Amino acid sequence: VSESMRTLTVRTARGDKRVPKEGTT
């Protein structure tokens, strides 16, 4: 639902979660 330089915000069944891009696949 949103993207910044270092994170993605993912809308899940339990709400929005911010996930760092670095170190994540």
mmCIF file of all heavy atoms, coordinates in Angstrom:
data_MODEL
# 
_entry.id   MODEL 
# 
loop_
_atom_site.group_PDB 
_atom_site.id 
_atom_site.type_symbol 
_atom_site.label_atom_id 
_atom_site.label_alt_id 
_atom_site.label_comp_id 
_atom_site.label_asym_id 
_atom_site.label_entity_id 
_atom_site.label_seq_id 
_atom_site.pdbx_PDB_ins_code 
_atom_site.Cartn_x 
_atom_site.Cartn_y 
_atom_site.Cartn_z 
_atom_site.occupancy 
_atom_site.B_iso_or_equiv 
_atom_site.pdbx_formal_charge 
_atom_site.auth_seq_id 
_atom_site.auth_comp_id 
_atom_site.auth_asym_id 
_atom_site.auth_atom_id 
_atom_site.pdbx_PDB_model_num 
ATOM 1   N N   . VAL A 1 1  ? 0.815  -1.218  0.000  1.00 0.00 ? 1  VAL A N   1 
ATOM 2   C CA  . VAL A 1 1  ? 0.000  0.000   0.000  1.00 0.00 ? 1  VAL A CA  1 
ATOM 3   C C   . VAL A 1 1  ? 0.845  1.264   0.000  1.00 0.00 ? 1  VAL A C   1 
ATOM 4   O O   . VAL A 1 1  ? 0.345  2.343   -0.314 1.00 0.00 ? 1  VAL A O   1 
ATOM 5   C CB  . VAL A 1 1  ? -1.008 0.031   1.178  1.00 0.00 ? 1  VAL A CB  1 
ATOM 6   C CG1 . VAL A 1 1  ? -2.055 -1.042  1.005  1.00 0.00 ? 1  VAL A CG1 1 
ATOM 7   C CG2 . VAL A 1 1  ? -0.312 -0.092  2.517  1.00 0.00 ? 1  VAL A CG2 1 
ATOM 8   N N   . SER A 1 2  ? 2.120  1.129   0.346  1.00 0.00 ? 2  SER A N   1 
ATOM 9   C CA  . SER A 1 2  ? 2.992  2.296   0.382  1.00 0.00 ? 2  SER A CA  1 
ATOM 10  C C   . SER A 1 2  ? 4.436  1.829   0.267  1.00 0.00 ? 2  SER A C   1 
ATOM 11  O O   . SER A 1 2  ? 4.779  0.725   0.681  1.00 0.00 ? 2  SER A O   1 
ATOM 12  C CB  . SER A 1 2  ? 2.788  3.058   1.695  1.00 0.00 ? 2  SER A CB  1 
ATOM 13  O OG  . SER A 1 2  ? 3.650  4.158   1.774  1.00 0.00 ? 2  SER A OG  1 
ATOM 14  N N   . GLU A 1 3  ? 5.259  2.719   -0.304 1.00 0.00 ? 3  GLU A N   1 
ATOM 15  C CA  . GLU A 1 3  ? 6.675  2.412   -0.433 1.00 0.00 ? 3  GLU A CA  1 
ATOM 16  C C   . GLU A 1 3  ? 7.480  3.658   -0.129 1.00 0.00 ? 3  GLU A C   1 
ATOM 17  O O   . GLU A 1 3  ? 7.163  4.742   -0.614 1.00 0.00 ? 3  GLU A O   1 
ATOM 18  C CB  . GLU A 1 3  ? 6.986  1.934   -1.854 1.00 0.00 ? 3  GLU A CB  1 
ATOM 19  C CG  . GLU A 1 3  ? 8.449  1.656   -2.072 1.00 0.00 ? 3  GLU A CG  1 
ATOM 20  C CD  . GLU A 1 3  ? 8.769  1.255   -3.495 1.00 0.00 ? 3  GLU A CD  1 
ATOM 21  O OE1 . GLU A 1 3  ? 7.937  1.437   -4.394 1.00 0.00 ? 3  GLU A OE1 1 
ATOM 22  O OE2 . GLU A 1 3  ? 9.899  0.775   -3.686 1.00 0.00 ? 3  GLU A OE2 1 
ATOM 23  N N   . SER A 1 4  ? 8.503  3.488   0.691  1.00 0.00 ? 4  SER A N   1 
ATOM 24  C CA  . SER A 1 4  ? 9.454  4.572   0.927  1.00 0.00 ? 4  SER A CA  1 
ATOM 25  C C   . SER A 1 4  ? 10.824 4.063   0.480  1.00 0.00 ? 4  SER A C   1 
ATOM 26  O O   . SER A 1 4  ? 10.939 2.948   -0.024 1.00 0.00 ? 4  SER A O   1 
ATOM 27  C CB  . SER A 1 4  ? 9.480  4.969   2.408  1.00 0.00 ? 4  SER A CB  1 
ATOM 28  O OG  . SER A 1 4  ? 10.072 3.944   3.181  1.00 0.00 ? 4  SER A OG  1 
ATOM 29  N N   . MET A 1 5  ? 11.847 4.863   0.681  1.00 0.00 ? 5  MET A N   1 
ATOM 30  C CA  . MET A 1 5  ? 13.173 4.450   0.246  1.00 0.00 ? 5  MET A CA  1 
ATOM 31  C C   . MET A 1 5  ? 13.631 3.177   0.949  1.00 0.00 ? 5  MET A C   1 
ATOM 32  O O   . MET A 1 5  ? 14.266 2.322   0.341  1.00 0.00 ? 5  MET A O   1 
ATOM 33  C CB  . MET A 1 5  ? 14.199 5.558   0.488  1.00 0.00 ? 5  MET A CB  1 
ATOM 34  C CG  . MET A 1 5  ? 15.558 5.202   -0.105 1.00 0.00 ? 5  MET A CG  1 
ATOM 35  S SD  . MET A 1 5  ? 16.880 6.361   0.225  1.00 0.00 ? 5  MET A SD  1 
ATOM 36  C CE  . MET A 1 5  ? 16.231 7.878   -0.404 1.00 0.00 ? 5  MET A CE  1 
ATOM 37  N N   . ARG A 1 6  ? 13.265 3.025   2.208  1.00 0.00 ? 6  ARG A N   1 
ATOM 38  C CA  . ARG A 1 6  ? 13.786 1.897   2.987  1.00 0.00 ? 6  ARG A CA  1 
ATOM 39  C C   . ARG A 1 6  ? 12.741 0.887   3.444  1.00 0.00 ? 6  ARG A C   1 
ATOM 40  O O   . ARG A 1 6  ? 13.094 -0.121  4.042  1.00 0.00 ? 6  ARG A O   1 
ATOM 41  C CB  . ARG A 1 6  ? 14.532 2.438   4.200  1.00 0.00 ? 6  ARG A CB  1 
ATOM 42  C CG  . ARG A 1 6  ? 15.799 3.172   3.801  1.00 0.00 ? 6  ARG A CG  1 
ATOM 43  C CD  . ARG A 1 6  ? 16.635 3.546   5.014  1.00 0.00 ? 6  ARG A CD  1 
ATOM 44  N NE  . ARG A 1 6  ? 17.894 4.094   4.602  1.00 0.00 ? 6  ARG A NE  1 
ATOM 45  C CZ  . ARG A 1 6  ? 18.146 5.390   4.499  1.00 0.00 ? 6  ARG A CZ  1 
ATOM 46  N NH1 . ARG A 1 6  ? 17.200 6.262   4.781  1.00 0.00 ? 6  ARG A NH1 1 
ATOM 47  N NH2 . ARG A 1 6  ? 19.324 5.808   4.116  1.00 0.00 ? 6  ARG A NH2 1 
ATOM 48  N N   . THR A 1 7  ? 11.454 1.148   3.195  1.00 0.00 ? 7  THR A N   1 
ATOM 49  C CA  . THR A 1 7  ? 10.422 0.225   3.678  1.00 0.00 ? 7  THR A CA  1 
ATOM 50  C C   . THR A 1 7  ? 9.308  0.025   2.657  1.00 0.00 ? 7  THR A C   1 
ATOM 51  O O   . THR A 1 7  ? 9.100  0.855   1.774  1.00 0.00 ? 7  THR A O   1 
ATOM 52  C CB  . THR A 1 7  ? 9.773  0.732   4.980  1.00 0.00 ? 7  THR A CB  1 
ATOM 53  O OG1 . THR A 1 7  ? 9.067  1.938   4.709  1.00 0.00 ? 7  THR A OG1 1 
ATOM 54  C CG2 . THR A 1 7  ? 10.775 0.932   6.086  1.00 0.00 ? 7  THR A CG2 1 
ATOM 55  N N   . LEU A 1 8  ? 8.599  -1.088  2.821  1.00 0.00 ? 8  LEU A N   1 
ATOM 56  C CA  . LEU A 1 8  ? 7.330  -1.322  2.140  1.00 0.00 ? 8  LEU A CA  1 
ATOM 57  C C   . LEU A 1 8  ? 6.275  -1.440  3.227  1.00 0.00 ? 8  LEU A C   1 
ATOM 58  O O   . LEU A 1 8  ? 6.524  -2.051  4.271  1.00 0.00 ? 8  LEU A O   1 
ATOM 59  C CB  . LEU A 1 8  ? 7.339  -2.637  1.357  1.00 0.00 ? 8  LEU A CB  1 
ATOM 60  C CG  . LEU A 1 8  ? 8.192  -2.743  0.112  1.00 0.00 ? 8  LEU A CG  1 
ATOM 61  C CD1 . LEU A 1 8  ? 8.028  -4.133  -0.509 1.00 0.00 ? 8  LEU A CD1 1 
ATOM 62  C CD2 . LEU A 1 8  ? 7.822  -1.682  -0.894 1.00 0.00 ? 8  LEU A CD2 1 
ATOM 63  N N   . THR A 1 9  ? 5.103  -0.863  3.005  1.00 0.00 ? 9  THR A N   1 
ATOM 64  C CA  . THR A 1 9  ? 3.986  -1.057  3.916  1.00 0.00 ? 9  THR A CA  1 
ATOM 65  C C   . THR A 1 9  ? 3.042  -2.030  3.244  1.00 0.00 ? 9  THR A C   1 
ATOM 66  O O   . THR A 1 9  ? 2.588  -1.802  2.122  1.00 0.00 ? 9  THR A O   1 
ATOM 67  C CB  . THR A 1 9  ? 3.267  0.266   4.232  1.00 0.00 ? 9  THR A CB  1 
ATOM 68  O OG1 . THR A 1 9  ? 4.224  1.177   4.798  1.00 0.00 ? 9  THR A OG1 1 
ATOM 69  C CG2 . THR A 1 9  ? 2.140  0.051   5.225  1.00 0.00 ? 9  THR A CG2 1 
ATOM 70  N N   . VAL A 1 10 ? 2.769  -3.135  3.950  1.00 0.00 ? 10 VAL A N   1 
ATOM 71  C CA  . VAL A 1 10 ? 1.956  -4.221  3.402  1.00 0.00 ? 10 VAL A CA  1 
ATOM 72  C C   . VAL A 1 10 ? 0.643  -4.279  4.172  1.00 0.00 ? 10 VAL A C   1 
ATOM 73  O O   . VAL A 1 10 ? 0.642  -4.355  5.406  1.00 0.00 ? 10 VAL A O   1 
ATOM 74  C CB  . VAL A 1 10 ? 2.704  -5.570  3.512  1.00 0.00 ? 10 VAL A CB  1 
ATOM 75  C CG1 . VAL A 1 10 ? 1.861  -6.705  2.974  1.00 0.00 ? 10 VAL A CG1 1 
ATOM 76  C CG2 . VAL A 1 10 ? 4.046  -5.497  2.797  1.00 0.00 ? 10 VAL A CG2 1 
ATOM 77  N N   . ARG A 1 11 ? -0.477 -4.244  3.450  1.00 0.00 ? 11 ARG A N   1 
ATOM 78  C CA  . ARG A 1 11 ? -1.791 -4.370  4.078  1.00 0.00 ? 11 ARG A CA  1 
ATOM 79  C C   . ARG A 1 11 ? -2.105 -5.851  4.193  1.00 0.00 ? 11 ARG A C   1 
ATOM 80  O O   . ARG A 1 11 ? -2.202 -6.561  3.204  1.00 0.00 ? 11 ARG A O   1 
ATOM 81  C CB  . ARG A 1 11 ? -2.865 -3.663  3.258  1.00 0.00 ? 11 ARG A CB  1 
ATOM 82  C CG  . ARG A 1 11 ? -4.238 -3.808  3.898  1.00 0.00 ? 11 ARG A CG  1 
ATOM 83  C CD  . ARG A 1 11 ? -5.164 -2.683  3.574  1.00 0.00 ? 11 ARG A CD  1 
ATOM 84  N NE  . ARG A 1 11 ? -4.638 -1.446  4.163  1.00 0.00 ? 11 ARG A NE  1 
ATOM 85  C CZ  . ARG A 1 11 ? -4.843 -0.244  3.621  1.00 0.00 ? 11 ARG A CZ  1 
ATOM 86  N NH1 . ARG A 1 11 ? -5.546 -0.115  2.519  1.00 0.00 ? 11 ARG A NH1 1 
ATOM 87  N NH2 . ARG A 1 11 ? -4.349 0.839   4.190  1.00 0.00 ? 11 ARG A NH2 1 
ATOM 88  N N   . THR A 1 12 ? -2.237 -6.321  5.436  1.00 0.00 ? 12 THR A N   1 
ATOM 89  C CA  . THR A 1 12 ? -2.540 -7.727  5.719  1.00 0.00 ? 12 THR A CA  1 
ATOM 90  C C   . THR A 1 12 ? -3.931 -7.811  6.346  1.00 0.00 ? 12 THR A C   1 
ATOM 91  O O   . THR A 1 12 ? -4.570 -6.780  6.601  1.00 0.00 ? 12 THR A O   1 
ATOM 92  C CB  . THR A 1 12 ? -1.510 -8.313  6.709  1.00 0.00 ? 12 THR A CB  1 
ATOM 93  O OG1 . THR A 1 12 ? -1.709 -7.719  7.991  1.00 0.00 ? 12 THR A OG1 1 
ATOM 94  C CG2 . THR A 1 12 ? -0.083 -8.092  6.243  1.00 0.00 ? 12 THR A CG2 1 
ATOM 95  N N   . ALA A 1 13 ? -4.363 -9.027  6.611  1.00 0.00 ? 13 ALA A N   1 
ATOM 96  C CA  . ALA A 1 13 ? -5.659 -9.231  7.275  1.00 0.00 ? 13 ALA A CA  1 
ATOM 97  C C   . ALA A 1 13 ? -5.648 -8.633  8.684  1.00 0.00 ? 13 ALA A C   1 
ATOM 98  O O   . ALA A 1 13 ? -6.698 -8.289  9.226  1.00 0.00 ? 13 ALA A O   1 
ATOM 99  C CB  . ALA A 1 13 ? -5.981 -10.720 7.326  1.00 0.00 ? 13 ALA A CB  1 
ATOM 100 N N   . ARG A 1 14 ? -4.467 -8.463  9.261  1.00 0.00 ? 14 ARG A N   1 
ATOM 101 C CA  . ARG A 1 14 ? -4.343 -7.916  10.623 1.00 0.00 ? 14 ARG A CA  1 
ATOM 102 C C   . ARG A 1 14 ? -3.914 -6.460  10.642 1.00 0.00 ? 14 ARG A C   1 
ATOM 103 O O   . ARG A 1 14 ? -3.430 -5.969  11.652 1.00 0.00 ? 14 ARG A O   1 
ATOM 104 C CB  . ARG A 1 14 ? -3.342 -8.750  11.411 1.00 0.00 ? 14 ARG A CB  1 
ATOM 105 C CG  . ARG A 1 14 ? -3.810 -10.157 11.620 1.00 0.00 ? 14 ARG A CG  1 
ATOM 106 C CD  . ARG A 1 14 ? -2.779 -10.924 12.383 1.00 0.00 ? 14 ARG A CD  1 
ATOM 107 N NE  . ARG A 1 14 ? -3.449 -11.902 13.195 1.00 0.00 ? 14 ARG A NE  1 
ATOM 108 C CZ  . ARG A 1 14 ? -2.974 -12.417 14.291 1.00 0.00 ? 14 ARG A CZ  1 
ATOM 109 N NH1 . ARG A 1 14 ? -1.793 -12.030 14.724 1.00 0.00 ? 14 ARG A NH1 1 
ATOM 110 N NH2 . ARG A 1 14 ? -3.651 -13.307 14.957 1.00 0.00 ? 14 ARG A NH2 1 
ATOM 111 N N   . GLY A 1 15 ? -4.022 -5.776  9.508  1.00 0.00 ? 15 GLY A N   1 
ATOM 112 C CA  . GLY A 1 15 ? -3.662 -4.364  9.457  1.00 0.00 ? 15 GLY A CA  1 
ATOM 113 C C   . GLY A 1 15 ? -2.406 -4.125  8.635  1.00 0.00 ? 15 GLY A C   1 
ATOM 114 O O   . GLY A 1 15 ? -1.833 -5.043  8.059  1.00 0.00 ? 15 GLY A O   1 
ATOM 115 N N   . ASP A 1 16 ? -1.985 -2.876  8.592  1.00 0.00 ? 16 ASP A N   1 
ATOM 116 C CA  . ASP A 1 16 ? -0.809 -2.494  7.815  1.00 0.00 ? 16 ASP A CA  1 
ATOM 117 C C   . ASP A 1 16 ? 0.466  -2.776  8.610  1.00 0.00 ? 16 ASP A C   1 
ATOM 118 O O   . ASP A 1 16 ? 0.545  -2.453  9.794  1.00 0.00 ? 16 ASP A O   1 
ATOM 119 C CB  . ASP A 1 16 ? -0.858 -1.010  7.465  1.00 0.00 ? 16 ASP A CB  1 
ATOM 120 C CG  . ASP A 1 16 ? -1.974 -0.684  6.493  1.00 0.00 ? 16 ASP A CG  1 
ATOM 121 O OD1 . ASP A 1 16 ? -2.641 -1.623  6.009  1.00 0.00 ? 16 ASP A OD1 1 
ATOM 122 O OD2 . ASP A 1 16 ? -2.190 0.503   6.212  1.00 0.00 ? 16 ASP A OD2 1 
ATOM 123 N N   . LYS A 1 17 ? 1.439  -3.376  7.928  1.00 0.00 ? 17 LYS A N   1 
ATOM 124 C CA  . LYS A 1 17 ? 2.726  -3.709  8.548  1.00 0.00 ? 17 LYS A CA  1 
ATOM 125 C C   . LYS A 1 17 ? 3.835  -3.070  7.733  1.00 0.00 ? 17 LYS A C   1 
ATOM 126 O O   . LYS A 1 17 ? 3.860  -3.173  6.511  1.00 0.00 ? 17 LYS A O   1 
ATOM 127 C CB  . LYS A 1 17 ? 2.959  -5.229  8.576  1.00 0.00 ? 17 LYS A CB  1 
ATOM 128 C CG  . LYS A 1 17 ? 1.834  -6.031  9.179  1.00 0.00 ? 17 LYS A CG  1 
ATOM 129 C CD  . LYS A 1 17 ? 1.690  -5.758  10.646 1.00 0.00 ? 17 LYS A CD  1 
ATOM 130 C CE  . LYS A 1 17 ? 0.562  -6.630  11.206 1.00 0.00 ? 17 LYS A CE  1 
ATOM 131 N NZ  . LYS A 1 17 ? 0.244  -6.305  12.562 1.00 0.00 ? 17 LYS A NZ  1 
ATOM 132 N N   . ARG A 1 18 ? 4.751  -2.398  8.394  1.00 0.00 ? 18 ARG A N   1 
ATOM 133 C CA  . ARG A 1 18 ? 5.898  -1.783  7.722  1.00 0.00 ? 18 ARG A CA  1 
ATOM 134 C C   . ARG A 1 18 ? 7.072  -2.763  7.782  1.00 0.00 ? 18 ARG A C   1 
ATOM 135 O O   . ARG A 1 18 ? 7.457  -3.209  8.859  1.00 0.00 ? 18 ARG A O   1 
ATOM 136 C CB  . ARG A 1 18 ? 6.265  -0.479  8.406  1.00 0.00 ? 18 ARG A CB  1 
ATOM 137 C CG  . ARG A 1 18 ? 7.375  0.251   7.657  1.00 0.00 ? 18 ARG A CG  1 
ATOM 138 C CD  . ARG A 1 18 ? 7.573  1.641   8.152  1.00 0.00 ? 18 ARG A CD  1 
ATOM 139 N NE  . ARG A 1 18 ? 6.399  2.420   7.790  1.00 0.00 ? 18 ARG A NE  1 
ATOM 140 C CZ  . ARG A 1 18 ? 6.013  3.521   8.414  1.00 0.00 ? 18 ARG A CZ  1 
ATOM 141 N NH1 . ARG A 1 18 ? 6.700  3.974   9.427  1.00 0.00 ? 18 ARG A NH1 1 
ATOM 142 N NH2 . ARG A 1 18 ? 4.954  4.175   8.027  1.00 0.00 ? 18 ARG A NH2 1 
ATOM 143 N N   . VAL A 1 19 ? 7.630  -3.067  6.607  1.00 0.00 ? 19 VAL A N   1 
ATOM 144 C CA  . VAL A 1 19 ? 8.708  -4.050  6.498  1.00 0.00 ? 19 VAL A CA  1 
ATOM 145 C C   . VAL A 1 19 ? 9.931  -3.370  5.902  1.00 0.00 ? 19 VAL A C   1 
ATOM 146 O O   . VAL A 1 19 ? 9.836  -2.756  4.837  1.00 0.00 ? 19 VAL A O   1 
ATOM 147 C CB  . VAL A 1 19 ? 8.282  -5.234  5.589  1.00 0.00 ? 19 VAL A CB  1 
ATOM 148 C CG1 . VAL A 1 19 ? 9.384  -6.273  5.521  1.00 0.00 ? 19 VAL A CG1 1 
ATOM 149 C CG2 . VAL A 1 19 ? 6.975  -5.850  6.083  1.00 0.00 ? 19 VAL A CG2 1 
ATOM 150 N N   . PRO A 1 20 ? 11.083 -3.458  6.563  1.00 0.00 ? 20 PRO A N   1 
ATOM 151 C CA  . PRO A 1 20 ? 12.303 -2.868  5.976  1.00 0.00 ? 20 PRO A CA  1 
ATOM 152 C C   . PRO A 1 20 ? 12.719 -3.630  4.730  1.00 0.00 ? 20 PRO A C   1 
ATOM 153 O O   . PRO A 1 20 ? 12.600 -4.853  4.659  1.00 0.00 ? 20 PRO A O   1 
ATOM 154 C CB  . PRO A 1 20 ? 13.338 -3.010  7.090  1.00 0.00 ? 20 PRO A CB  1 
ATOM 155 C CG  . PRO A 1 20 ? 12.842 -4.124  7.937  1.00 0.00 ? 20 PRO A CG  1 
ATOM 156 C CD  . PRO A 1 20 ? 11.344 -4.123  7.837  1.00 0.00 ? 20 PRO A CD  1 
ATOM 157 N N   . LYS A 1 21 ? 13.211 -2.916  3.717  1.00 0.00 ? 21 LYS A N   1 
ATOM 158 C CA  . LYS A 1 21 ? 13.670 -3.553  2.482  1.00 0.00 ? 21 LYS A CA  1 
ATOM 159 C C   . LYS A 1 21 ? 15.014 -4.254  2.700  1.00 0.00 ? 21 LYS A C   1 
ATOM 160 O O   . LYS A 1 21 ? 15.227 -5.356  2.202  1.00 0.00 ? 21 LYS A O   1 
ATOM 161 C CB  . LYS A 1 21 ? 13.829 -2.515  1.369  1.00 0.00 ? 21 LYS A CB  1 
ATOM 162 C CG  . LYS A 1 21 ? 12.515 -1.962  0.878  1.00 0.00 ? 21 LYS A CG  1 
ATOM 163 C CD  . LYS A 1 21 ? 12.782 -0.919  -0.181 1.00 0.00 ? 21 LYS A CD  1 
ATOM 164 C CE  . LYS A 1 21 ? 11.526 -0.305  -0.712 1.00 0.00 ? 21 LYS A CE  1 
ATOM 165 N NZ  . LYS A 1 21 ? 11.817 0.758   -1.693 1.00 0.00 ? 21 LYS A NZ  1 
ATOM 166 N N   . GLU A 1 22 ? 15.896 -3.584  3.437  1.00 0.00 ? 22 GLU A N   1 
ATOM 167 C CA  . GLU A 1 22 ? 17.232 -4.140  3.639  1.00 0.00 ? 22 GLU A CA  1 
ATOM 168 C C   . GLU A 1 22 ? 17.146 -5.429  4.447  1.00 0.00 ? 22 GLU A C   1 
ATOM 169 O O   . GLU A 1 22 ? 16.499 -5.487  5.491  1.00 0.00 ? 22 GLU A O   1 
ATOM 170 C CB  . GLU A 1 22 ? 18.135 -3.144  4.354  1.00 0.00 ? 22 GLU A CB  1 
ATOM 171 C CG  . GLU A 1 22 ? 19.560 -3.610  4.415  1.00 0.00 ? 22 GLU A CG  1 
ATOM 172 C CD  . GLU A 1 22 ? 20.494 -2.543  4.953  1.00 0.00 ? 22 GLU A CD  1 
ATOM 173 O OE1 . GLU A 1 22 ? 20.112 -1.375  4.998  1.00 0.00 ? 22 GLU A OE1 1 
ATOM 174 O OE2 . GLU A 1 22 ? 21.613 -2.912  5.335  1.00 0.00 ? 22 GLU A OE2 1 
ATOM 175 N N   . GLY A 1 23 ? 17.793 -6.466  3.949  1.00 0.00 ? 23 GLY A N   1 
ATOM 176 C CA  . GLY A 1 23 ? 17.824 -7.743  4.641  1.00 0.00 ? 23 GLY A CA  1 
ATOM 177 C C   . GLY A 1 23 ? 16.558 -8.559  4.482  1.00 0.00 ? 23 GLY A C   1 
ATOM 178 O O   . GLY A 1 23 ? 16.384 -9.566  5.161  1.00 0.00 ? 23 GLY A O   1 
ATOM 179 N N   . THR A 1 24 ? 15.655 -8.157  3.582  1.00 0.00 ? 24 THR A N   1 
ATOM 180 C CA  . THR A 1 24 ? 14.381 -8.847  3.394  1.00 0.00 ? 24 THR A CA  1 
ATOM 181 C C   . THR A 1 24 ? 14.265 -9.328  1.955  1.00 0.00 ? 24 THR A C   1 
ATOM 182 O O   . THR A 1 24 ? 14.635 -8.622  1.027  1.00 0.00 ? 24 THR A O   1 
ATOM 183 C CB  . THR A 1 24 ? 13.201 -7.908  3.718  1.00 0.00 ? 24 THR A CB  1 
ATOM 184 O OG1 . THR A 1 24 ? 13.365 -7.401  5.043  1.00 0.00 ? 24 THR A OG1 1 
ATOM 185 C CG2 . THR A 1 24 ? 11.876 -8.631  3.624  1.00 0.00 ? 24 THR A CG2 1 
ATOM 186 N N   . THR A 1 25 ? 13.728 -10.532 1.791  1.00 0.00 ? 25 THR A N   1 
ATOM 187 C CA  . THR A 1 25 ? 13.461 -11.070 0.454  1.00 0.00 ? 25 THR A CA  1 
ATOM 188 C C   . THR A 1 25 ? 11.954 -11.103 0.255  1.00 0.00 ? 25 THR A C   1 
ATOM 189 O O   . THR A 1 25 ? 11.233 -11.698 1.052  1.00 0.00 ? 25 THR A O   1 
ATOM 190 C CB  . THR A 1 25 ? 14.039 -12.493 0.307  1.00 0.00 ? 25 THR A CB  1 
ATOM 191 O OG1 . THR A 1 25 ? 15.442 -12.426 0.553  1.00 0.00 ? 25 THR A OG1 1 
ATOM 192 C CG2 . THR A 1 25 ? 13.794 -13.038 -1.077 1.00 0.00 ? 25 THR A CG2 1 
# 
